[in-house]
């Protein structure tokens, strides 16, 4: 039987606790809490699929990036560094992210395929791009590239 992503997180948490890896264990605890919270949200409790767990991990990683930026702007370099390190722990569970060049190539194809021109065509291009980059690139990065290419 294959282990689920959630089970892998739990096993890694156990290993981190035994190894006294405070950063890893704290990060995995918070992530598992977010997963459990998602499972009991709504009218009935349910088990999340690996894709849904991946979505939760992606959301948690994004929170870490945004918090690191906020701490950096607030002059709290130590807190920003901690958030970045937590983000790196979570990145180990996410699929390999696309590079800017790869995103640009995918967007170029979608623009050509849709025949979109100008900002009004953004929705049509995003509709074609999103399935191709699913979980491998943050929506903000993709949207920025689509805007850039449609602008000129």
Protein backbone atom coordinates (compact mmCIF):
# COMPACT_ATOMS: atom_id res chain seq x y z
CA UNK A 1 0.00 0.00 0.00
CA UNK A 2 1.29 3.45 -0.85
CA UNK A 3 1.55 5.98 1.92
CA UNK A 4 -0.48 9.11 1.63
CA UNK A 5 1.10 12.53 1.77
CA UNK A 6 -0.53 13.14 5.15
CA UNK A 7 0.96 9.89 6.50
CA UNK A 8 4.37 10.90 5.14
CA UNK A 9 4.07 14.21 7.02
CA UNK A 10 3.19 12.34 10.24
CA UNK A 11 6.10 9.93 9.81
CA UNK A 12 8.49 12.82 9.13
CA UNK A 13 7.15 14.61 12.23
CA UNK A 14 7.91 11.55 14.36
CA UNK A 15 11.42 11.38 12.91
CA UNK A 16 11.96 15.11 13.50
CA UNK A 17 10.80 14.84 17.12
CA UNK A 18 13.08 11.86 17.76
CA UNK A 19 15.95 13.73 16.12
CA UNK A 20 15.19 16.85 18.17
CA UNK A 21 14.84 18.91 14.97
CA UNK A 22 12.82 21.80 16.42
CA UNK A 23 12.34 23.73 13.18
CA UNK A 24 11.12 20.73 11.19
CA UNK A 25 8.86 19.39 13.96
CA UNK A 26 7.26 22.79 14.61
CA UNK A 27 6.66 23.36 10.88
CA UNK A 28 5.17 19.90 10.34
CA UNK A 29 2.96 20.25 13.43
CA UNK A 30 1.51 23.52 12.11
CA UNK A 31 0.98 22.00 8.68
CA UNK A 32 -0.75 18.89 10.06
CA UNK A 33 -2.95 21.15 12.17
CA UNK A 34 -3.93 23.09 9.05
CA UNK A 35 -4.73 19.80 7.27
CA UNK A 36 -6.86 18.58 10.18
CA UNK A 37 -8.64 21.94 10.32
CA UNK A 38 -9.45 21.59 6.61
CA UNK A 39 -10.71 18.04 7.16
CA UNK A 40 -13.21 19.06 9.82
CA UNK A 41 -14.32 22.28 8.09
CA UNK A 42 -17.78 22.21 6.60
CA UNK A 43 -20.74 20.09 7.59
CA UNK A 44 -19.05 16.66 7.70
CA UNK A 45 -15.53 15.54 8.55
CA UNK A 46 -13.65 13.84 5.74
CA UNK A 47 -10.23 12.60 4.70
CA UNK A 48 -8.39 14.91 2.32
CA UNK A 49 -6.96 13.47 -0.89
CA UNK A 50 -3.25 13.92 -1.61
CA UNK A 51 -4.15 16.74 -4.03
CA UNK A 52 -6.11 18.54 -1.32
CA UNK A 53 -3.26 18.03 1.17
CA UNK A 54 -0.89 19.46 -1.44
CA UNK A 55 -3.16 22.51 -1.73
CA UNK A 56 -2.98 23.02 2.06
CA UNK A 57 0.83 22.68 2.03
CA UNK A 58 1.03 25.17 -0.86
CA UNK A 59 -1.11 27.63 1.11
CA UNK A 60 1.07 27.20 4.20
CA UNK A 61 4.25 27.75 2.16
CA UNK A 62 2.76 30.92 0.68
CA UNK A 63 1.94 32.18 4.19
CA UNK A 64 5.59 31.65 5.15
CA UNK A 65 6.83 33.61 2.12
CA UNK A 66 4.46 36.49 2.82
CA UNK A 67 5.34 36.53 6.52
CA UNK A 68 9.05 36.55 5.69
CA UNK A 69 8.55 39.57 3.43
CA UNK A 70 6.53 41.37 6.11
CA UNK A 71 9.15 40.66 8.78
CA UNK A 72 11.90 41.81 6.40
CA UNK A 73 10.09 45.10 5.78
CA UNK A 74 9.53 45.50 9.51
CA UNK A 75 13.25 45.16 10.19
CA UNK A 76 12.94 41.77 11.92
CA UNK A 77 15.53 39.79 9.98
CA UNK A 78 15.67 36.93 12.49
CA UNK A 79 11.92 36.27 12.25
CA UNK A 80 12.07 36.58 8.47
CA UNK A 81 14.87 33.99 8.36
CA UNK A 82 12.82 31.57 10.50
CA UNK A 83 9.83 31.92 8.13
CA UNK A 84 12.07 31.27 5.11
CA UNK A 85 13.50 28.15 6.76
CA UNK A 86 9.97 26.88 7.48
CA UNK A 87 9.09 27.56 3.84
CA UNK A 88 12.08 25.47 2.75
CA UNK A 89 10.88 22.56 4.90
CA UNK A 90 7.46 22.75 3.23
CA UNK A 91 9.00 23.09 -0.24
CA UNK A 92 10.32 19.56 0.18
CA UNK A 93 6.74 18.28 -0.03
CA UNK A 94 5.72 20.36 -3.05
CA UNK A 95 6.29 19.50 -6.70
CA UNK A 96 9.28 21.15 -8.38
CA UNK A 97 8.32 24.76 -9.13
CA UNK A 98 8.51 26.10 -12.67
CA UNK A 99 11.20 28.64 -13.52
CA UNK A 100 10.31 32.08 -14.86
CA UNK A 101 11.46 30.99 -18.33
CA UNK A 102 9.22 27.91 -18.25
CA UNK A 103 6.24 30.02 -17.18
CA UNK A 104 6.98 32.54 -19.95
CA UNK A 105 7.05 29.74 -22.56
CA UNK A 106 3.74 28.27 -21.36
CA UNK A 107 2.12 31.72 -21.37
CA UNK A 108 3.50 32.45 -24.87
CA UNK A 109 1.88 29.23 -26.17
CA UNK A 110 -1.42 30.08 -24.49
CA UNK A 111 -1.43 33.63 -25.91
CA UNK A 112 -0.81 32.25 -29.40
CA UNK A 113 -3.45 29.54 -28.95
CA UNK A 114 -6.12 31.92 -27.65
CA UNK A 115 -5.27 34.75 -30.03
CA UNK A 116 -5.69 37.15 -27.09
CA UNK A 117 -4.44 40.71 -27.34
CA UNK A 118 -4.40 43.35 -24.64
CA UNK A 119 -5.51 43.11 -21.01
CA UNK A 120 -9.05 42.02 -21.97
CA UNK A 121 -7.69 38.66 -23.11
CA UNK A 122 -6.19 37.83 -19.71
CA UNK A 123 -9.08 35.56 -18.64
CA UNK A 124 -8.88 33.47 -21.79
CA UNK A 125 -5.11 33.05 -21.45
CA UNK A 126 -5.30 32.21 -17.73
CA UNK A 127 -7.93 29.56 -18.49
CA UNK A 128 -5.46 27.83 -20.81
CA UNK A 129 -2.40 28.34 -18.61
CA UNK A 130 -3.76 27.27 -15.20
CA UNK A 131 -4.17 23.53 -15.96
CA UNK A 132 -0.63 23.42 -17.39
CA UNK A 133 1.01 25.00 -14.34
CA UNK A 134 -1.28 23.55 -11.65
CA UNK A 135 0.55 23.39 -8.30
CA UNK A 136 3.91 24.04 -10.01
CA UNK A 137 3.75 27.85 -10.01
CA UNK A 138 2.12 30.43 -7.81
CA UNK A 139 -0.88 32.16 -9.38
CA UNK A 140 0.59 35.62 -8.81
CA UNK A 141 3.74 34.79 -10.78
CA UNK A 142 1.67 33.38 -13.64
CA UNK A 143 -0.74 36.35 -13.70
CA UNK A 144 2.17 38.80 -13.72
CA UNK A 145 3.72 37.03 -16.73
CA UNK A 146 0.37 36.97 -18.59
CA UNK A 147 -0.07 40.72 -17.95
CA UNK A 148 3.48 41.40 -19.11
CA UNK A 149 3.05 39.49 -22.36
CA UNK A 150 -0.40 40.91 -23.14
CA UNK A 151 0.83 44.44 -22.46
CA UNK A 152 3.23 44.31 -25.25
